[in-house]
Structure formats: structure tokens, C-alpha cells
Amino acid sequence: MELRHLRYFQAVAEELNFSRAARRLRVAQPALSRAVKEIESELDALVLERSRHHVRLTPAGAVLLREAALLLERWEESLRRVRRTAAGEEGELRLGYIGPPTQPFLGRLLHEYRHRYPRVSLHLEERTPERVWEMVAKHRLSAGITRPVQTHDALGLRTAPLREERLGLAVLPDHPFARRRSLPWKALAEEALVVLARREGMGLHDAILAGCRDAGFVPRLAQTPSLIGTVLGYVEAGAGLGIVPDSVIDASQALRFVPLTPRSSVPLVLVWHEDDDPPPVRRFRELLLEWNAAGKLWRGMPRGAPCGS
């Protein structure tokens, strides 16, 4: 039995008149008669009593009309869902991200995404950079906002650059360095430093060690915590000076950010799987890159710059 036949039967059963049903559907009346006969033949039941003067539903026909209406409504909704999914308006987005660098924009960005695509199911996971890459590569995440890692080329994922975050010193306001507009790396040679642990942020950790090495000294690492917030906590407690990206200082008004020279930075990128790029992921990527190009991601953040600027 074809859906077309059910539509024909539904029109005749609602109009109780073949001529009016034919005009409603813009089809020839014999097509409706054939459709009803085929339905009755397949069901081995009379669904319409018809004569030259009237058309009436049989009890079986009344049941068929109710069930056909439900079926056709469900079918139409299924077609709408398919179209919305193809347009990126329905489906699922599983987004991984690293916390502090995305804090200035992620909430605003996702609010706009949900406004544009309210039927997309959104799942968020905050992870380390390496873990974000791993989970995207294994299709456990749709996309990630993270930093490059050493193995990213081997994972075969696509990336789009978002921003180069400048490295600088996190210090208390009463520290002598806090009054400096910038500070050379070599000024840190005798200081106790607090940096993120390498296992939690390989790219950032290695960039800091490279900056110290290029300045001609081996850093004195007082603490290497696993969270960037803990780095700031140690600095506030007076346990050392923190070396951090410029995006994290806004999270702690008690500290000052002093850029280091020569300039050193760590990138922030969007990563996704080229072989698993459904419409909701494409729409998110389009929105993210649209905002990045317009500077909306970094609103209220004068330091640093988007990639490519």
C-alpha cells in the first residue's frame, strides 16, 4: 500500500465525495476510485460504502481514517526532521573545549548557536588539549576548541586557527614587575615560576620552556599544577610568578598581566574530523569563524589578536 493511496483515501473519507476530493487533491477522479479499491483489496475489507447518491465510512473505514491521519502526520514530521537535519537545524553537537582560553566567548557563542538552531542537541565537555584531540579523532566529540598538540598531524583532523594568545607574567599588583609595560624573558632567570603541568597542556608548557631556553636560562619551577586556575592561585598566594596566556588573567582581578619579550604565543584552534562533518558541526564552525573574523569572540579583550590579523 502506498502513502499516496492513503492520502487519496483520507481526502475522500473527509469529503465523503469523490468529486470534491479530486478537486482538493487536483487529481482525476478515477485515480481516487482505483486507490480506494486497491486499499480494500489489500485489506480484504470494505472501507467506504458508495452509491450514486452518497459515500459513507464503514466501521473499518473509520478506523483506517484515524490511523492514516496519524501515519501521514508522523511521515510529514519525519520529512521535516530530515530537512532540518540536512540544513543543520536538527541533530547533535558534542563540543570539547579547554576552559580559560574559551571563557571570554564560549557562553555568548553557544547562546547564539542555540538561538539559531534550537533543535540541535548540545553536549559540552571541558578537557585537556590532548584529550580533546583524542576524543575528536575517536568520534566521541564532534569538534573541539583547543591547542595544537605534537601528534595532531598523525590524527588526520582538520583545524582552523582562531587566535594567537600572547604569553606573559601573572603577578600581584604590588610586585615590582606589575608596573612594567613588558618584561624580557631573561628577567625571570632567578625567579620562582609557576607553570601548567606538561601532561595537562603540552603546547603551553613547551612554549614556556622554549622562551626560557631562548633567553639563556633553565627556569626554576616552583609548582606545576594541573589546572591554570591553580597556577593563578599559587601566584595570589605568593608562591611564585606565573607564566600564562593573556586570556586567563581576566578570570582573576587580583593579578596583573605583563607581556614577555621577545613575543611568544600559543595558538587556539578549532578541530574537527574531516570524515565526520554533519550539518550541525558545519553550522557551528561557520558561526565560530564568522564571529572570529568580526572580532566578536574577543570583545572586551584588547590583548592578543585573532589568527591572521
C-alpha atoms as a PDB file:
ATOM      1  CA  MET A   1       0.000   0.000   0.000  1.00  0.00           C
ATOM      2  CA  GLU A   2       1.437   3.377  -0.994  1.00  0.00           C
ATOM      3  CA  LEU A   3       1.275   6.554   1.059  1.00  0.00           C
ATOM      4  CA  ARG A   4      -0.304   8.183  -1.975  1.00  0.00           C
ATOM      5  CA  HIS A   5      -3.218   5.765  -1.721  1.00  0.00           C
ATOM      6  CA  LEU A   6      -3.708   6.656   1.948  1.00  0.00           C
ATOM      7  CA  ARG A   7      -3.760  10.355   1.066  1.00  0.00           C
ATOM      8  CA  TYR A   8      -6.378   9.693  -1.602  1.00  0.00           C
ATOM      9  CA  PHE A   9      -8.492   7.667   0.822  1.00  0.00           C
ATOM     10  CA  GLN A  10      -8.131  10.354   3.529  1.00  0.00           C
ATOM     11  CA  ALA A  11      -9.415  13.067   1.162  1.00  0.00           C
ATOM     12  CA  VAL A  12     -12.420  11.004   0.044  1.00  0.00           C
ATOM     13  CA  ALA A  13     -13.222   9.949   3.621  1.00  0.00           C
ATOM     14  CA  GLU A  14     -13.093  13.545   4.870  1.00  0.00           C
ATOM     15  CA  GLU A  15     -15.069  15.000   1.961  1.00  0.00           C
ATOM     16  CA  LEU A  16     -17.407  11.998   1.593  1.00  0.00           C
ATOM     17  CA  ASN A  17     -17.493  12.929  -2.051  1.00  0.00           C
ATOM     18  CA  PHE A  18     -15.180  11.740  -4.826  1.00  0.00           C
ATOM     19  CA  SER A  19     -15.592  14.866  -6.952  1.00  0.00           C
ATOM     20  CA  ARG A  20     -14.717  17.273  -4.122  1.00  0.00           C
ATOM     21  CA  ALA A  21     -11.786  15.090  -3.065  1.00  0.00           C
ATOM     22  CA  ALA A  22     -10.474  15.052  -6.641  1.00  0.00           C
ATOM     23  CA  ARG A  23     -10.648  18.871  -6.820  1.00  0.00           C
ATOM     24  CA  ARG A  24      -8.946  19.163  -3.422  1.00  0.00           C
ATOM     25  CA  LEU A  25      -6.060  16.947  -4.496  1.00  0.00           C
ATOM     26  CA  ARG A  26      -6.019  18.192  -8.096  1.00  0.00           C
ATOM     27  CA  VAL A  27      -6.131  14.648  -9.475  1.00  0.00           C
ATOM     28  CA  ALA A  28      -8.515  12.810 -11.766  1.00  0.00           C
ATOM     29  CA  GLN A  29     -11.491  11.216 -10.025  1.00  0.00           C
ATOM     30  CA  PRO A  30     -10.809   7.712 -11.464  1.00  0.00           C
ATOM     31  CA  ALA A  31      -7.428   7.718  -9.703  1.00  0.00           C
ATOM     32  CA  LEU A  32      -9.211   8.071  -6.359  1.00  0.00           C
ATOM     33  CA  SER A  33     -11.608   5.241  -7.160  1.00  0.00           C
ATOM     34  CA  ARG A  34      -8.703   2.952  -8.121  1.00  0.00           C
ATOM     35  CA  ALA A  35      -6.798   3.846  -4.934  1.00  0.00           C
ATOM     36  CA  VAL A  36      -9.770   3.033  -2.691  1.00  0.00           C
ATOM     37  CA  LYS A  37     -10.368  -0.279  -4.484  1.00  0.00           C
ATOM     38  CA  GLU A  38      -6.680  -1.244  -4.115  1.00  0.00           C
ATOM     39  CA  ILE A  39      -6.797  -0.453  -0.395  1.00  0.00           C
ATOM     40  CA  GLU A  40      -9.926  -2.571   0.052  1.00  0.00           C
ATOM     41  CA  SER A  41      -8.391  -5.399  -1.925  1.00  0.00           C
ATOM     42  CA  GLU A  42      -5.219  -5.360   0.166  1.00  0.00           C
ATOM     43  CA  LEU A  43      -7.100  -5.126   3.465  1.00  0.00           C
ATOM     44  CA  ASP A  44      -9.845  -7.511   2.328  1.00  0.00           C
ATOM     45  CA  ALA A  45     -12.317  -5.104   3.916  1.00  0.00           C
ATOM     46  CA  LEU A  46     -14.821  -2.532   2.734  1.00  0.00           C
ATOM     47  CA  VAL A  47     -13.782   0.960   3.885  1.00  0.00           C
ATOM     48  CA  LEU A  48     -16.335   3.085   2.022  1.00  0.00           C
ATOM     49  CA  GLU A  49     -19.992   2.462   1.259  1.00  0.00           C
ATOM     50  CA  ARG A  50     -20.667   4.201  -2.035  1.00  0.00           C
ATOM     51  CA  SER A  51     -23.610   4.597  -4.301  1.00  0.00           C
ATOM     52  CA  ARG A  52     -24.731   7.123  -6.878  1.00  0.00           C
ATOM     53  CA  HIS A  53     -26.120   9.326  -4.092  1.00  0.00           C
ATOM     54  CA  HIS A  54     -23.789   9.028  -1.127  1.00  0.00           C
ATOM     55  CA  VAL A  55     -20.415   7.946   0.237  1.00  0.00           C
ATOM     56  CA  ARG A  56     -20.165   6.716   3.836  1.00  0.00           C
ATOM     57  CA  LEU A  57     -17.391   5.360   6.008  1.00  0.00           C
ATOM     58  CA  THR A  58     -17.706   1.790   7.191  1.00  0.00           C
ATOM     59  CA  PRO A  59     -16.545   0.950  10.742  1.00  0.00           C
ATOM     60  CA  ALA A  60     -13.328  -0.386   9.232  1.00  0.00           C
ATOM     61  CA  GLY A  61     -13.006   2.782   7.179  1.00  0.00           C
ATOM     62  CA  ALA A  62     -13.389   4.958  10.293  1.00  0.00           C
ATOM     63  CA  VAL A  63     -10.513   3.105  11.943  1.00  0.00           C
ATOM     64  CA  LEU A  64      -8.408   3.408   8.803  1.00  0.00           C
ATOM     65  CA  LEU A  65      -9.077   7.163   8.622  1.00  0.00           C
ATOM     66  CA  ARG A  66      -7.865   7.702  12.192  1.00  0.00           C
ATOM     67  CA  GLU A  67      -4.772   5.538  11.692  1.00  0.00           C
ATOM     68  CA  ALA A  68      -3.985   7.052   8.287  1.00  0.00           C
ATOM     69  CA  ALA A  69      -4.144  10.560   9.755  1.00  0.00           C
ATOM     70  CA  LEU A  70      -1.647   9.589  12.462  1.00  0.00           C
ATOM     71  CA  LEU A  71       0.619   7.840   9.986  1.00  0.00           C
ATOM     72  CA  LEU A  72       0.607  10.692   7.475  1.00  0.00           C
ATOM     73  CA  GLU A  73       1.210  13.270  10.214  1.00  0.00           C
ATOM     74  CA  ARG A  74       4.153  11.229  11.508  1.00  0.00           C
ATOM     75  CA  TRP A  75       5.506  10.889   7.968  1.00  0.00           C
ATOM     76  CA  GLU A  76       5.312  14.638   7.379  1.00  0.00           C
ATOM     77  CA  GLU A  77       7.108  15.313  10.655  1.00  0.00           C
ATOM     78  CA  SER A  78       9.780  12.787   9.682  1.00  0.00           C
ATOM     79  CA  LEU A  79      10.313  14.602   6.392  1.00  0.00           C
ATOM     80  CA  ARG A  80      10.567  17.928   8.228  1.00  0.00           C
ATOM     81  CA  ARG A  81      13.162  16.460  10.591  1.00  0.00           C
ATOM     82  CA  VAL A  82      15.198  15.103   7.682  1.00  0.00           C
ATOM     83  CA  ARG A  83      15.144  18.526   6.016  1.00  0.00           C
ATOM     84  CA  ARG A  84      16.096  20.281   9.280  1.00  0.00           C
ATOM     85  CA  THR A  85      18.922  17.826   9.854  1.00  0.00           C
ATOM     86  CA  ALA A  86      20.234  18.336   6.329  1.00  0.00           C
ATOM     87  CA  ALA A  87      20.155  22.102   6.931  1.00  0.00           C
ATOM     88  CA  GLY A  88      21.988  21.775  10.257  1.00  0.00           C
ATOM     89  CA  GLU A  89      18.878  22.799  12.201  1.00  0.00           C
ATOM     90  CA  GLU A  90      18.476  19.484  13.991  1.00  0.00           C
ATOM     91  CA  GLY A  91      20.858  16.806  15.209  1.00  0.00           C
ATOM     92  CA  GLU A  92      23.645  16.745  17.770  1.00  0.00           C
ATOM     93  CA  LEU A  93      26.773  18.773  18.505  1.00  0.00           C
ATOM     94  CA  ARG A  94      29.263  17.354  21.008  1.00  0.00           C
ATOM     95  CA  LEU A  95      31.812  20.088  21.679  1.00  0.00           C
ATOM     96  CA  GLY A  96      35.067  19.679  23.578  1.00  0.00           C
ATOM     97  CA  TYR A  97      36.953  22.710  24.810  1.00  0.00           C
ATOM     98  CA  ILE A  98      39.711  23.925  27.098  1.00  0.00           C
ATOM     99  CA  GLY A  99      38.423  26.186  29.826  1.00  0.00           C
ATOM    100  CA  PRO A 100      40.181  29.517  30.441  1.00  0.00           C
ATOM    101  CA  PRO A 101      41.027  30.448  26.817  1.00  0.00           C
ATOM    102  CA  THR A 102      37.387  29.930  25.774  1.00  0.00           C
ATOM    103  CA  GLN A 103      35.826  31.618  28.804  1.00  0.00           C
ATOM    104  CA  PRO A 104      35.642  35.102  27.204  1.00  0.00           C
ATOM    105  CA  PHE A 105      33.413  33.931  24.345  1.00  0.00           C
ATOM    106  CA  LEU A 106      32.093  30.394  24.627  1.00  0.00           C
ATOM    107  CA  GLY A 107      28.929  31.202  26.571  1.00  0.00           C
ATOM    108  CA  ARG A 108      27.945  34.012  24.187  1.00  0.00           C
ATOM    109  CA  LEU A 109      28.753  31.898  21.138  1.00  0.00           C
ATOM    110  CA  LEU A 110      26.696  28.918  22.284  1.00  0.00           C
ATOM    111  CA  HIS A 111      23.787  31.183  23.210  1.00  0.00           C
ATOM    112  CA  GLU A 112      23.721  32.470  19.619  1.00  0.00           C
ATOM    113  CA  TYR A 113      24.079  28.934  18.227  1.00  0.00           C
ATOM    114  CA  ARG A 114      21.139  27.695  20.277  1.00  0.00           C
ATOM    115  CA  HIS A 115      19.115  30.722  19.168  1.00  0.00           C
ATOM    116  CA  ARG A 116      19.762  29.898  15.512  1.00  0.00           C
ATOM    117  CA  TYR A 117      19.418  26.126  15.833  1.00  0.00           C
ATOM    118  CA  PRO A 118      17.192  25.393  18.851  1.00  0.00           C
ATOM    119  CA  ARG A 119      16.521  21.796  17.796  1.00  0.00           C
ATOM    120  CA  VAL A 120      20.202  20.777  17.861  1.00  0.00           C
ATOM    121  CA  SER A 121      21.099  18.786  20.976  1.00  0.00           C
ATOM    122  CA  LEU A 122      24.214  20.334  22.538  1.00  0.00           C
ATOM    123  CA  HIS A 123      26.706  18.480  24.756  1.00  0.00           C
ATOM    124  CA  LEU A 124      29.800  20.153  26.274  1.00  0.00           C
ATOM    125  CA  GLU A 125      32.947  18.556  27.666  1.00  0.00           C
ATOM    126  CA  GLU A 126      35.849  20.508  29.175  1.00  0.00           C
ATOM    127  CA  ARG A 127      39.068  18.541  28.691  1.00  0.00           C
ATOM    128  CA  THR A 128      42.831  18.977  28.365  1.00  0.00           C
ATOM    129  CA  PRO A 129      44.109  19.871  24.868  1.00  0.00           C
ATOM    130  CA  GLU A 130      45.440  16.374  24.244  1.00  0.00           C
ATOM    131  CA  ARG A 131      42.205  14.771  25.402  1.00  0.00           C
ATOM    132  CA  VAL A 132      40.105  16.995  23.125  1.00  0.00           C
ATOM    133  CA  TRP A 133      42.156  15.904  20.099  1.00  0.00           C
ATOM    134  CA  GLU A 134      41.928  12.253  21.102  1.00  0.00           C
ATOM    135  CA  MET A 135      38.155  12.331  21.597  1.00  0.00           C
ATOM    136  CA  VAL A 136      37.532  14.117  18.276  1.00  0.00           C
ATOM    137  CA  ALA A 137      39.768  11.590  16.498  1.00  0.00           C
ATOM    138  CA  LYS A 138      37.771   8.730  18.055  1.00  0.00           C
ATOM    139  CA  HIS A 139      34.432  10.384  17.076  1.00  0.00           C
ATOM    140  CA  ARG A 140      33.471  10.830  20.717  1.00  0.00           C
ATOM    141  CA  LEU A 141      33.350  14.587  20.139  1.00  0.00           C
ATOM    142  CA  SER A 142      32.038  16.391  17.053  1.00  0.00           C
ATOM    143  CA  ALA A 143      34.564  19.229  17.314  1.00  0.00           C
ATOM    144  CA  GLY A 144      36.921  20.858  19.774  1.00  0.00           C
ATOM    145  CA  ILE A 145      38.326  24.262  20.662  1.00  0.00           C
ATOM    146  CA  THR A 146      41.821  23.544  21.856  1.00  0.00           C
ATOM    147  CA  ARG A 147      45.538  23.996  21.264  1.00  0.00           C
ATOM    148  CA  PRO A 148      47.685  22.105  18.741  1.00  0.00           C
ATOM    149  CA  VAL A 149      49.415  19.041  20.137  1.00  0.00           C
ATOM    150  CA  GLN A 150      52.502  17.181  18.939  1.00  0.00           C
ATOM    151  CA  THR A 151      50.540  14.315  17.438  1.00  0.00           C
ATOM    152  CA  HIS A 152      47.903  16.395  15.643  1.00  0.00           C
ATOM    153  CA  ASP A 153      49.288  15.737  12.148  1.00  0.00           C
ATOM    154  CA  ALA A 154      49.128  11.972  12.681  1.00  0.00           C
ATOM    155  CA  LEU A 155      45.497  12.141  13.811  1.00  0.00           C
ATOM    156  CA  GLY A 156      44.367  13.408  10.404  1.00  0.00           C
ATOM    157  CA  LEU A 157      41.990  16.075  11.717  1.00  0.00           C
ATOM    158  CA  ARG A 158      41.133  19.444  10.192  1.00  0.00           C
ATOM    159  CA  THR A 159      41.913  22.664  12.031  1.00  0.00           C
ATOM    160  CA  ALA A 160      41.068  26.342  11.709  1.00  0.00           C
ATOM    161  CA  PRO A 161      43.159  28.929  13.603  1.00  0.00           C
ATOM    162  CA  LEU A 162      41.286  31.256  15.953  1.00  0.00           C
ATOM    163  CA  ARG A 163      43.820  33.271  17.943  1.00  0.00           C
ATOM    164  CA  GLU A 164      47.449  33.570  18.985  1.00  0.00           C
ATOM    165  CA  GLU A 165      47.492  34.080  22.759  1.00  0.00           C
ATOM    166  CA  ARG A 166      50.451  36.070  23.954  1.00  0.00           C
ATOM    167  CA  LEU A 167      52.434  34.719  26.889  1.00  0.00           C
ATOM    168  CA  GLY A 168      53.087  36.952  29.831  1.00  0.00           C
ATOM    169  CA  LEU A 169      53.673  37.154  33.521  1.00  0.00           C
ATOM    170  CA  ALA A 170      50.875  36.857  36.094  1.00  0.00           C
ATOM    171  CA  VAL A 171      51.901  38.945  39.127  1.00  0.00           C
ATOM    172  CA  LEU A 172      50.347  40.564  42.175  1.00  0.00           C
ATOM    173  CA  PRO A 173      49.632  44.301  41.806  1.00  0.00           C
ATOM    174  CA  ASP A 174      52.250  45.221  44.434  1.00  0.00           C
ATOM    175  CA  HIS A 175      55.053  43.267  42.741  1.00  0.00           C
ATOM    176  CA  PRO A 176      57.754  45.452  41.130  1.00  0.00           C
ATOM    177  CA  PHE A 177      57.174  43.740  37.764  1.00  0.00           C
ATOM    178  CA  ALA A 178      53.481  44.754  37.825  1.00  0.00           C
ATOM    179  CA  ARG A 179      54.412  48.333  36.864  1.00  0.00           C
ATOM    180  CA  ARG A 180      56.243  47.240  33.722  1.00  0.00           C
ATOM    181  CA  ARG A 181      54.570  47.526  30.291  1.00  0.00           C
ATOM    182  CA  SER A 182      56.572  44.464  29.196  1.00  0.00           C
ATOM    183  CA  LEU A 183      59.333  42.326  30.571  1.00  0.00           C
ATOM    184  CA  PRO A 184      62.201  40.401  28.924  1.00  0.00           C
ATOM    185  CA  TRP A 185      62.257  36.668  29.439  1.00  0.00           C
ATOM    186  CA  LYS A 186      65.762  36.868  30.872  1.00  0.00           C
ATOM    187  CA  ALA A 187      64.427  38.908  33.826  1.00  0.00           C
ATOM    188  CA  LEU A 188      62.858  35.667  35.069  1.00  0.00           C
ATOM    189  CA  ALA A 189      66.114  33.742  35.326  1.00  0.00           C
ATOM    190  CA  GLU A 190      66.261  33.970  39.125  1.00  0.00           C
ATOM    191  CA  GLU A 191      62.534  33.912  39.826  1.00  0.00           C
ATOM    192  CA  ALA A 192      60.460  31.007  41.136  1.00  0.00           C
ATOM    193  CA  LEU A 193      57.944  30.234  38.373  1.00  0.00           C
ATOM    194  CA  VAL A 194      54.563  28.535  38.353  1.00  0.00           C
ATOM    195  CA  VAL A 195      53.501  26.961  35.050  1.00  0.00           C
ATOM    196  CA  LEU A 196      50.881  24.479  33.924  1.00  0.00           C
ATOM    197  CA  ALA A 197      51.973  20.826  34.058  1.00  0.00           C
ATOM    198  CA  ARG A 198      53.114  19.398  30.730  1.00  0.00           C
ATOM    199  CA  ARG A 199      50.739  16.432  30.936  1.00  0.00           C
ATOM    200  CA  GLU A 200      47.799  18.849  31.058  1.00  0.00           C
ATOM    201  CA  GLY A 201      48.980  21.344  28.468  1.00  0.00           C
ATOM    202  CA  MET A 202      51.936  20.183  26.420  1.00  0.00           C
ATOM    203  CA  GLY A 203      51.866  23.045  23.921  1.00  0.00           C
ATOM    204  CA  LEU A 204      51.736  25.776  26.565  1.00  0.00           C
ATOM    205  CA  HIS A 205      54.318  24.115  28.800  1.00  0.00           C
ATOM    206  CA  ASP A 206      56.764  23.601  25.928  1.00  0.00           C
ATOM    207  CA  ALA A 207      56.303  27.189  24.682  1.00  0.00           C
ATOM    208  CA  ILE A 208      57.213  28.486  28.142  1.00  0.00           C
ATOM    209  CA  LEU A 209      60.323  26.296  28.363  1.00  0.00           C
ATOM    210  CA  ALA A 210      61.335  27.405  24.853  1.00  0.00           C
ATOM    211  CA  GLY A 211      61.010  31.070  25.849  1.00  0.00           C
ATOM    212  CA  CYS A 212      63.263  30.494  28.853  1.00  0.00           C
ATOM    213  CA  ARG A 213      65.749  28.449  26.826  1.00  0.00           C
ATOM    214  CA  ASP A 214      65.970  31.089  24.116  1.00  0.00           C
ATOM    215  CA  ALA A 215      66.694  33.679  26.832  1.00  0.00           C
ATOM    216  CA  GLY A 216      69.601  31.545  28.033  1.00  0.00           C
ATOM    217  CA  PHE A 217      68.380  30.036  31.294  1.00  0.00           C
ATOM    218  CA  VAL A 218      66.713  26.972  32.770  1.00  0.00           C
ATOM    219  CA  PRO A 219      63.577  28.012  34.677  1.00  0.00           C
ATOM    220  CA  ARG A 220      63.163  27.439  38.394  1.00  0.00           C
ATOM    221  CA  LEU A 221      59.797  25.705  38.514  1.00  0.00           C
ATOM    222  CA  ALA A 222      58.280  26.219  41.952  1.00  0.00           C
ATOM    223  CA  GLN A 223      54.990  24.499  41.065  1.00  0.00           C
ATOM    224  CA  THR A 224      53.495  22.751  38.026  1.00  0.00           C
ATOM    225  CA  PRO A 225      49.780  22.314  38.811  1.00  0.00           C
ATOM    226  CA  SER A 226      47.334  20.583  36.504  1.00  0.00           C
ATOM    227  CA  LEU A 227      44.848  23.491  36.248  1.00  0.00           C
ATOM    228  CA  ILE A 228      45.518  27.017  35.020  1.00  0.00           C
ATOM    229  CA  GLY A 229      43.285  28.315  37.809  1.00  0.00           C
ATOM    230  CA  THR A 230      45.630  26.699  40.314  1.00  0.00           C
ATOM    231  CA  VAL A 231      48.559  28.479  38.644  1.00  0.00           C
ATOM    232  CA  LEU A 232      46.808  31.778  39.412  1.00  0.00           C
ATOM    233  CA  GLY A 233      46.034  30.587  42.936  1.00  0.00           C
ATOM    234  CA  TYR A 234      49.720  29.928  43.639  1.00  0.00           C
ATOM    235  CA  VAL A 235      50.607  33.380  42.313  1.00  0.00           C
ATOM    236  CA  GLU A 236      47.985  35.036  44.515  1.00  0.00           C
ATOM    237  CA  ALA A 237      49.398  33.111  47.478  1.00  0.00           C
ATOM    238  CA  GLY A 238      52.889  34.464  46.767  1.00  0.00           C
ATOM    239  CA  ALA A 239      54.352  31.074  45.860  1.00  0.00           C
ATOM    240  CA  GLY A 240      55.922  32.331  42.608  1.00  0.00           C
ATOM    241  CA  LEU A 241      55.338  34.172  39.353  1.00  0.00           C
ATOM    242  CA  GLY A 242      53.020  32.599  36.795  1.00  0.00           C
ATOM    243  CA  ILE A 243      53.591  32.407  33.069  1.00  0.00           C
ATOM    244  CA  VAL A 244      50.211  32.238  31.347  1.00  0.00           C
ATOM    245  CA  PRO A 245      48.377  33.135  28.114  1.00  0.00           C
ATOM    246  CA  ASP A 246      46.766  36.568  28.087  1.00  0.00           C
ATOM    247  CA  SER A 247      43.219  35.166  28.080  1.00  0.00           C
ATOM    248  CA  VAL A 248      43.336  33.807  31.637  1.00  0.00           C
ATOM    249  CA  ILE A 249      44.105  36.911  33.665  1.00  0.00           C
ATOM    250  CA  ASP A 250      40.592  38.331  33.323  1.00  0.00           C
ATOM    251  CA  ALA A 251      39.452  35.435  35.492  1.00  0.00           C
ATOM    252  CA  SER A 252      41.412  36.910  38.413  1.00  0.00           C
ATOM    253  CA  GLN A 253      41.120  40.635  39.020  1.00  0.00           C
ATOM    254  CA  ALA A 254      43.716  40.314  41.797  1.00  0.00           C
ATOM    255  CA  LEU A 255      46.533  39.799  39.285  1.00  0.00           C
ATOM    256  CA  ARG A 256      48.220  41.828  36.564  1.00  0.00           C
ATOM    257  CA  PHE A 257      49.377  40.627  33.142  1.00  0.00           C
ATOM    258  CA  VAL A 258      52.792  41.751  31.914  1.00  0.00           C
ATOM    259  CA  PRO A 259      53.666  40.703  28.331  1.00  0.00           C
ATOM    260  CA  LEU A 260      57.012  38.949  27.844  1.00  0.00           C
ATOM    261  CA  THR A 261      59.528  39.916  25.169  1.00  0.00           C
ATOM    262  CA  PRO A 262      60.567  38.685  22.693  1.00  0.00           C
ATOM    263  CA  ARG A 263      56.927  37.965  21.974  1.00  0.00           C
ATOM    264  CA  SER A 264      55.865  34.341  22.389  1.00  0.00           C
ATOM    265  CA  SER A 265      52.388  32.928  21.920  1.00  0.00           C
ATOM    266  CA  VAL A 266      50.332  29.755  21.900  1.00  0.00           C
ATOM    267  CA  PRO A 267      47.582  29.160  19.310  1.00  0.00           C
ATOM    268  CA  LEU A 268      43.944  28.397  19.897  1.00  0.00           C
ATOM    269  CA  VAL A 269      42.309  26.336  17.135  1.00  0.00           C
ATOM    270  CA  LEU A 270      39.067  24.680  16.148  1.00  0.00           C
ATOM    271  CA  VAL A 271      39.495  20.999  15.328  1.00  0.00           C
ATOM    272  CA  TRP A 272      37.069  18.592  13.668  1.00  0.00           C
ATOM    273  CA  HIS A 273      37.043  15.276  11.805  1.00  0.00           C
ATOM    274  CA  GLU A 274      37.011  15.658   8.034  1.00  0.00           C
ATOM    275  CA  ASP A 275      35.281  12.304   7.593  1.00  0.00           C
ATOM    276  CA  ASP A 276      32.591  13.074  10.179  1.00  0.00           C
ATOM    277  CA  ASP A 277      31.272  16.549   9.430  1.00  0.00           C
ATOM    278  CA  PRO A 278      27.456  16.562   9.805  1.00  0.00           C
ATOM    279  CA  PRO A 279      25.446  19.746   9.206  1.00  0.00           C
ATOM    280  CA  PRO A 280      25.228  20.806  12.922  1.00  0.00           C
ATOM    281  CA  VAL A 281      29.039  20.781  13.102  1.00  0.00           C
ATOM    282  CA  ARG A 282      29.347  22.751   9.869  1.00  0.00           C
ATOM    283  CA  ARG A 283      26.862  25.340  11.115  1.00  0.00           C
ATOM    284  CA  PHE A 284      28.780  25.695  14.385  1.00  0.00           C
ATOM    285  CA  ARG A 285      32.039  26.086  12.506  1.00  0.00           C
ATOM    286  CA  GLU A 286      30.525  28.729  10.231  1.00  0.00           C
ATOM    287  CA  LEU A 287      29.233  30.690  13.227  1.00  0.00           C
ATOM    288  CA  LEU A 288      32.526  30.437  15.118  1.00  0.00           C
ATOM    289  CA  LEU A 289      34.613  31.579  12.157  1.00  0.00           C
ATOM    290  CA  GLU A 290      32.084  34.330  11.364  1.00  0.00           C
ATOM    291  CA  TRP A 291      32.421  35.696  14.899  1.00  0.00           C
ATOM    292  CA  ASN A 292      36.191  35.321  14.845  1.00  0.00           C
ATOM    293  CA  ALA A 293      36.513  37.276  11.593  1.00  0.00           C
ATOM    294  CA  ALA A 294      34.275  40.027  13.010  1.00  0.00           C
ATOM    295  CA  GLY A 295      36.198  40.197  16.292  1.00  0.00           C
ATOM    296  CA  LYS A 296      33.112  39.229  18.304  1.00  0.00           C
ATOM    297  CA  LEU A 297      34.888  36.345  20.034  1.00  0.00           C
ATOM    298  CA  TRP A 298      37.349  38.672  21.699  1.00  0.00           C
ATOM    299  CA  ARG A 299      35.027  41.501  22.642  1.00  0.00           C
ATOM    300  CA  GLY A 300      36.470  43.358  25.622  1.00  0.00           C
ATOM    301  CA  MET A 301      39.896  41.716  25.205  1.00  0.00           C
ATOM    302  CA  PRO A 302      42.373  44.260  23.791  1.00  0.00           C
ATOM    303  CA  ARG A 303      45.338  41.996  24.319  1.00  0.00           C
ATOM    304  CA  GLY A 304      46.426  39.477  21.717  1.00  0.00           C
ATOM    305  CA  ALA A 305      44.875  39.135  18.308  1.00  0.00           C
ATOM    306  CA  PRO A 306      42.902  36.714  16.153  1.00  0.00           C
ATOM    307  CA  CYS A 307      44.983  34.476  13.961  1.00  0.00           C
ATOM    308  CA  GLY A 308      45.773  36.046  10.618  1.00  0.00           C
ATOM    309  CA  SER A 309      45.488  39.620  11.918  1.00  0.00           C
END
